[in-house]
Amino acid sequence: MKRLCLLLVVLLLATIGTLLSMKNTENSKKDFETRIFYGRDTLLTDSIYEGLAKNEKDPVKKVRYEKAAKIMEQKIILFNQVEKDFKEGRGTFEEWNKRLDELMAISPYGTPNSP
């Protein structure tokens, strides 16, 4: 009888752990999907440098805008790869979040966190 009770307690705890794990996974998925949505919006909003370069008269600023446009283009390509890996289940939330953190820290001017 004690063994049966112990077995039931272990099964109950395992079930609770599984349910909590599933809930955390669903929350993580929803949070990451939200992050993808807002990250894409930010990247597309920041992708104005090509237009600025076309209209710029100052050659120094024009070169700077052209470089920024190329960096933003590469950021979008890398962002799309993270999203694709997420949708295909290649990796973990920790890995995808780390990749996005590193990607979003890159300034359009080529240095992290520069104004």
Foldseek 3Di string as FASTA:
>chain_A
DVVVVVVVVVVVVVVVVVVVVVVVVVVLLVVVVVVLVVLVVVLVVQLCLVVVLVPDPDPVSNVQSVQLNVLSVVLVVQSVVLVVCVVVVNDDSVVSVVSVVVSVQQHSSGDGPDD
